[in-house]
Amino acid sequence: MSATVPCPACDAAVPIPADAVVAELLRCRECNTELEIATLDPPTLAEAPTEEEDWGQ
């Protein structure tokens, strides 16, 4: 596949690796936002959900 997709946060081109899988995490080189691959056909990105502390629950 090896494509580029716009970052949802800053619109910079983010390269998608040829062996990418859905839910894989990437980082935008321009704004440093953590991104998640939402779909592969066509490739789309979404901002990765923030990890919340579970406090042992």
N, C-alpha and C. Protein backbone atom coordinates (compact mmCIF):
# COMPACT_ATOMS: atom_id res chain seq x y z
N MET A 1 0.84 -1.19 0.00
CA MET A 1 0.00 0.00 0.00
C MET A 1 0.88 1.24 0.00
N SER A 2 1.67 1.49 1.01
CA SER A 2 2.59 2.62 1.11
C SER A 2 2.03 3.92 0.54
N ALA A 3 1.20 4.57 1.33
CA ALA A 3 0.54 5.81 0.92
C ALA A 3 0.80 6.88 1.97
N THR A 4 0.37 8.10 1.68
CA THR A 4 0.39 9.15 2.68
C THR A 4 -1.04 9.63 2.88
N VAL A 5 -1.35 9.95 4.12
CA VAL A 5 -2.69 10.39 4.50
C VAL A 5 -2.53 11.66 5.33
N PRO A 6 -3.44 12.62 5.19
CA PRO A 6 -3.31 13.85 5.99
C PRO A 6 -3.56 13.59 7.48
N CYS A 7 -2.76 14.23 8.30
CA CYS A 7 -2.94 14.16 9.75
C CYS A 7 -4.25 14.87 10.10
N PRO A 8 -5.12 14.25 10.92
CA PRO A 8 -6.36 14.91 11.29
C PRO A 8 -6.16 16.14 12.19
N ALA A 9 -4.99 16.26 12.81
CA ALA A 9 -4.74 17.38 13.70
C ALA A 9 -4.12 18.58 12.99
N CYS A 10 -3.16 18.33 12.07
CA CYS A 10 -2.46 19.46 11.46
C CYS A 10 -2.44 19.42 9.93
N ASP A 11 -2.98 18.39 9.33
CA ASP A 11 -3.09 18.23 7.88
C ASP A 11 -1.76 17.93 7.18
N ALA A 12 -0.71 17.62 7.93
CA ALA A 12 0.57 17.22 7.33
C ALA A 12 0.44 15.81 6.76
N ALA A 13 1.25 15.49 5.78
CA ALA A 13 1.23 14.16 5.17
C ALA A 13 1.89 13.15 6.10
N VAL A 14 1.15 12.09 6.44
CA VAL A 14 1.66 11.03 7.31
C VAL A 14 1.81 9.77 6.47
N PRO A 15 3.02 9.20 6.39
CA PRO A 15 3.21 7.99 5.60
C PRO A 15 2.59 6.78 6.30
N ILE A 16 1.88 5.97 5.53
CA ILE A 16 1.29 4.73 6.03
C ILE A 16 2.17 3.59 5.54
N PRO A 17 2.74 2.77 6.44
CA PRO A 17 3.60 1.68 5.99
C PRO A 17 2.84 0.66 5.14
N ALA A 18 3.55 0.00 4.25
CA ALA A 18 2.93 -0.99 3.36
C ALA A 18 2.33 -2.15 4.14
N ASP A 19 2.90 -2.49 5.30
CA ASP A 19 2.40 -3.62 6.09
C ASP A 19 1.51 -3.16 7.25
N ALA A 20 0.92 -1.99 7.14
CA ALA A 20 0.08 -1.42 8.21
C ALA A 20 -1.16 -2.27 8.46
N VAL A 21 -1.64 -2.21 9.70
CA VAL A 21 -2.88 -2.90 10.09
C VAL A 21 -3.80 -1.91 10.79
N VAL A 22 -5.09 -2.18 10.77
CA VAL A 22 -6.06 -1.32 11.46
C VAL A 22 -5.73 -1.30 12.95
N ALA A 23 -5.85 -0.15 13.56
CA ALA A 23 -5.58 0.11 14.99
C ALA A 23 -4.09 0.28 15.29
N GLU A 24 -3.24 0.22 14.28
CA GLU A 24 -1.81 0.47 14.48
C GLU A 24 -1.62 1.93 14.83
N LEU A 25 -0.70 2.20 15.74
CA LEU A 25 -0.44 3.57 16.17
C LEU A 25 0.76 4.14 15.42
N LEU A 26 0.60 5.39 14.98
CA LEU A 26 1.65 6.14 14.30
C LEU A 26 1.76 7.49 14.97
N ARG A 27 2.80 8.24 14.64
CA ARG A 27 2.96 9.58 15.19
C ARG A 27 3.21 10.55 14.04
N CYS A 28 2.52 11.66 14.06
CA CYS A 28 2.72 12.69 13.04
C CYS A 28 4.07 13.35 13.29
N ARG A 29 4.88 13.46 12.23
CA ARG A 29 6.21 14.07 12.35
C ARG A 29 6.13 15.58 12.56
N GLU A 30 5.05 16.20 12.12
CA GLU A 30 4.92 17.66 12.22
C GLU A 30 4.43 18.11 13.60
N CYS A 31 3.30 17.54 14.06
CA CYS A 31 2.69 18.02 15.31
C CYS A 31 2.86 17.04 16.48
N ASN A 32 3.45 15.87 16.21
CA ASN A 32 3.73 14.86 17.23
C ASN A 32 2.48 14.24 17.85
N THR A 33 1.34 14.36 17.16
CA THR A 33 0.10 13.75 17.65
C THR A 33 0.14 12.25 17.41
N GLU A 34 -0.29 11.47 18.40
CA GLU A 34 -0.38 10.02 18.23
C GLU A 34 -1.64 9.71 17.44
N LEU A 35 -1.48 8.94 16.37
CA LEU A 35 -2.58 8.64 15.46
C LEU A 35 -2.82 7.14 15.39
N GLU A 36 -4.04 6.79 15.08
CA GLU A 36 -4.43 5.39 14.94
C GLU A 36 -4.95 5.18 13.52
N ILE A 37 -4.55 4.09 12.88
CA ILE A 37 -5.07 3.77 11.56
C ILE A 37 -6.51 3.29 11.74
N ALA A 38 -7.46 4.04 11.18
CA ALA A 38 -8.88 3.72 11.34
C ALA A 38 -9.34 2.71 10.29
N THR A 39 -8.94 2.93 9.04
CA THR A 39 -9.28 2.01 7.95
C THR A 39 -8.10 1.92 6.99
N LEU A 40 -8.07 0.85 6.21
CA LEU A 40 -6.99 0.66 5.25
C LEU A 40 -7.43 0.88 3.81
N ASP A 41 -8.72 0.73 3.52
CA ASP A 41 -9.18 0.86 2.14
C ASP A 41 -10.42 1.73 2.08
N PRO A 42 -10.30 3.02 1.95
CA PRO A 42 -9.07 3.79 1.79
C PRO A 42 -8.40 4.03 3.14
N PRO A 43 -7.11 4.30 3.15
CA PRO A 43 -6.43 4.55 4.42
C PRO A 43 -6.89 5.86 5.06
N THR A 44 -7.29 5.77 6.32
CA THR A 44 -7.69 6.97 7.07
C THR A 44 -7.08 6.90 8.47
N LEU A 45 -6.85 8.07 9.03
CA LEU A 45 -6.27 8.18 10.37
C LEU A 45 -7.22 8.91 11.29
N ALA A 46 -7.12 8.59 12.57
CA ALA A 46 -7.87 9.30 13.61
C ALA A 46 -6.91 9.54 14.76
N GLU A 47 -7.18 10.55 15.55
CA GLU A 47 -6.35 10.77 16.74
C GLU A 47 -6.54 9.58 17.67
N ALA A 48 -5.44 9.05 18.17
CA ALA A 48 -5.50 7.89 19.06
C ALA A 48 -6.18 8.28 20.37
N PRO A 49 -6.99 7.37 20.91
CA PRO A 49 -7.62 7.69 22.20
C PRO A 49 -6.55 7.80 23.29
N THR A 50 -6.78 8.70 24.22
CA THR A 50 -5.83 8.85 25.33
C THR A 50 -6.05 7.73 26.33
N GLU A 51 -4.96 7.23 26.83
CA GLU A 51 -5.01 6.15 27.80
C GLU A 51 -5.36 6.75 29.16
N GLU A 52 -6.36 6.18 29.81
CA GLU A 52 -6.75 6.67 31.12
C GLU A 52 -6.29 5.70 32.20
N GLU A 53 -5.94 6.22 33.34
CA GLU A 53 -5.51 5.42 34.47
C GLU A 53 -6.71 4.67 35.03
N ASP A 54 -6.54 3.37 35.29
CA ASP A 54 -7.67 2.59 35.83
C ASP A 54 -7.63 2.46 37.36
N TRP A 55 -6.55 2.90 37.98
CA TRP A 55 -6.40 2.89 39.43
C TRP A 55 -6.70 1.53 40.05
N GLY A 56 -6.38 0.45 39.32
CA GLY A 56 -6.52 -0.90 39.86
C GLY A 56 -7.93 -1.43 39.91
N GLN A 57 -8.86 -0.78 39.24
CA GLN A 57 -10.27 -1.20 39.28
C GLN A 57 -10.54 -2.23 38.24
